[in-house]
Amino acid sequence: MPNKIRFFLLIILMFLIISIFLLWTLMYILKSGFDLSSILMFVASALFIIFAVYALRRVHISLKRGDPLKDERTRNIEKKAAALAFYIGIYWLLVLGFSIDRFNLEIPPSSVPSLGIAGMAVFFGLSYWYFSKKGE
């Protein structure tokens, strides 16, 4: 698949993810009111949008230079980051489950998978950043 089509699909995917996340945040604010958790969700939405714009801008500049979307170094970084994020994510789920049981946190059961996935996404982003700065 050509790089321009991949970039276009990436833009569509980012737009859909941001739209769903903003809709989810808006529904949460309308349901529970404007409290601390809704402010945190709004801040998370803003950070997600800033990250998406930054990432799309970097990909666009890279494509204008003629670089491929994924080269061998990028694939190696993704493999290492995915492996590390997987291992950290397993312990994250254990800590999350232990914390909910030990401290009797009143987290709805439907939110636990979302917290787990969000944590894994953050760990992947951090490990990807670490391996891309560390070098080979």
Protein backbone atom coordinates (compact mmCIF):
# COMPACT_ATOMS: atom_id res chain seq x y z
CA MET A 1 0.00 0.00 0.00
CA PRO A 2 1.45 3.40 -0.92
CA ASN A 3 2.56 5.72 1.87
CA LYS A 4 0.05 8.45 0.96
CA ILE A 5 -2.87 6.05 1.33
CA ARG A 6 -1.50 4.85 4.68
CA PHE A 7 -1.15 8.44 5.83
CA PHE A 8 -4.72 9.20 4.76
CA LEU A 9 -5.98 6.12 6.62
CA LEU A 10 -3.95 7.20 9.65
CA ILE A 11 -5.64 10.61 9.59
CA ILE A 12 -9.08 8.98 9.41
CA LEU A 13 -8.21 6.60 12.25
CA MET A 14 -6.90 9.41 14.46
CA PHE A 15 -10.01 11.49 13.72
CA LEU A 16 -12.31 8.60 14.66
CA ILE A 17 -10.43 7.83 17.86
CA ILE A 18 -10.37 11.47 18.93
CA SER A 19 -14.07 11.88 18.10
CA ILE A 20 -15.04 8.81 20.11
CA PHE A 21 -12.86 9.87 23.05
CA LEU A 22 -14.32 13.40 23.04
CA LEU A 23 -17.86 12.01 22.78
CA TRP A 24 -17.15 9.67 25.69
CA THR A 25 -15.78 12.58 27.75
CA LEU A 26 -18.78 14.76 26.91
CA MET A 27 -21.22 11.99 27.84
CA TYR A 28 -19.40 11.47 31.13
CA ILE A 29 -19.53 15.20 31.92
CA LEU A 30 -23.24 15.37 31.09
CA LYS A 31 -23.95 12.28 33.19
CA SER A 32 -21.96 13.02 36.32
CA GLY A 33 -21.52 16.77 36.23
CA PHE A 34 -18.38 18.85 36.15
CA ASP A 35 -16.21 17.43 38.94
CA LEU A 36 -12.56 16.48 39.34
CA SER A 37 -12.81 13.28 37.31
CA SER A 38 -14.46 15.11 34.41
CA ILE A 39 -11.70 17.73 34.50
CA LEU A 40 -9.10 14.94 34.38
CA MET A 41 -10.89 13.33 31.44
CA PHE A 42 -10.97 16.69 29.66
CA VAL A 43 -7.24 17.18 30.27
CA ALA A 44 -6.57 13.65 29.01
CA SER A 45 -8.61 14.44 25.89
CA ALA A 46 -6.63 17.62 25.30
CA LEU A 47 -3.32 15.78 25.74
CA PHE A 48 -4.49 13.07 23.37
CA ILE A 49 -5.41 15.65 20.72
CA ILE A 50 -2.05 17.42 21.11
CA PHE A 51 -0.22 14.10 20.78
CA ALA A 52 -2.24 13.14 17.69
CA VAL A 53 -1.55 16.46 15.97
CA TYR A 54 2.15 16.19 16.82
CA ALA A 55 2.37 12.60 15.54
CA LEU A 56 0.50 13.39 12.32
CA ARG A 57 2.71 16.42 11.72
CA ARG A 58 5.87 14.33 12.14
CA VAL A 59 4.57 11.66 9.78
CA HIS A 60 3.61 14.29 7.21
CA ILE A 61 7.05 15.93 7.35
CA SER A 62 8.68 12.51 7.06
CA LEU A 63 6.58 11.64 4.01
CA LYS A 64 7.41 14.98 2.38
CA ARG A 65 11.10 14.14 2.77
CA GLY A 66 10.47 10.84 1.03
CA ASP A 67 11.05 8.61 4.03
CA PRO A 68 9.04 5.39 4.31
CA LEU A 69 6.41 5.19 7.03
CA LYS A 70 8.07 2.16 8.61
CA ASP A 71 11.68 1.26 8.19
CA GLU A 72 13.68 -1.51 9.85
CA ARG A 73 14.61 0.61 12.86
CA THR A 74 10.98 1.58 13.47
CA ARG A 75 9.89 -2.05 13.31
CA ASN A 76 12.60 -3.06 15.80
CA ILE A 77 11.61 -0.25 18.17
CA GLU A 78 7.95 -1.29 17.92
CA LYS A 79 8.83 -4.92 18.70
CA LYS A 80 10.90 -3.98 21.75
CA ALA A 81 8.33 -1.45 22.95
CA ALA A 82 5.46 -3.89 22.51
CA ALA A 83 7.28 -6.60 24.44
CA LEU A 84 8.17 -4.27 27.31
CA ALA A 85 4.68 -2.75 27.39
CA PHE A 86 3.17 -6.25 27.48
CA TYR A 87 5.27 -7.28 30.47
CA ILE A 88 4.63 -4.03 32.33
CA GLY A 89 0.95 -4.23 31.38
CA ILE A 90 0.60 -7.66 32.98
CA TYR A 91 1.96 -6.30 36.26
CA TRP A 92 -0.21 -3.20 35.84
CA LEU A 93 -3.31 -5.43 35.69
CA LEU A 94 -2.15 -7.34 38.77
CA VAL A 95 -1.54 -4.12 40.71
CA LEU A 96 -4.87 -2.73 39.53
CA GLY A 97 -6.75 -5.85 40.65
CA PHE A 98 -4.89 -5.97 43.96
CA SER A 99 -5.51 -2.27 44.62
CA ILE A 100 -9.22 -2.53 43.91
CA ASP A 101 -9.57 -5.52 46.25
CA ARG A 102 -7.19 -4.35 48.99
CA PHE A 103 -8.37 -0.75 49.28
CA ASN A 104 -12.05 -1.42 48.49
CA LEU A 105 -12.05 1.07 45.65
CA GLU A 106 -15.49 1.72 44.24
CA ILE A 107 -14.60 1.41 40.58
CA PRO A 108 -17.39 0.08 38.38
CA PRO A 109 -16.51 -3.33 36.93
CA SER A 110 -17.09 -1.99 33.42
CA SER A 111 -14.29 0.57 33.93
CA VAL A 112 -11.60 -1.92 34.93
CA PRO A 113 -10.83 -3.15 31.38
CA SER A 114 -10.69 0.47 30.22
CA LEU A 115 -8.20 1.32 32.95
CA GLY A 116 -6.13 -1.71 32.02
CA ILE A 117 -6.08 -0.88 28.32
CA ALA A 118 -5.35 2.80 29.00
CA GLY A 119 -2.44 1.82 31.22
CA MET A 120 -1.06 -0.52 28.57
CA ALA A 121 -1.34 2.22 25.95
CA VAL A 122 0.57 4.62 28.19
CA PHE A 123 3.24 1.99 28.85
CA PHE A 124 3.59 1.33 25.12
CA GLY A 125 3.96 5.05 24.42
CA LEU A 126 6.58 5.47 27.12
CA SER A 127 8.53 2.38 26.11
CA TYR A 128 8.39 3.40 22.44
CA TRP A 129 9.72 6.84 23.38
CA TYR A 130 12.44 5.25 25.54
CA PHE A 131 13.65 2.87 22.83
CA SER A 132 13.54 5.54 20.12
CA LYS A 133 15.70 7.86 22.25
CA LYS A 134 18.00 5.08 23.44
CA GLY A 135 19.04 4.05 19.95
CA GLU A 136 20.24 0.64 18.88
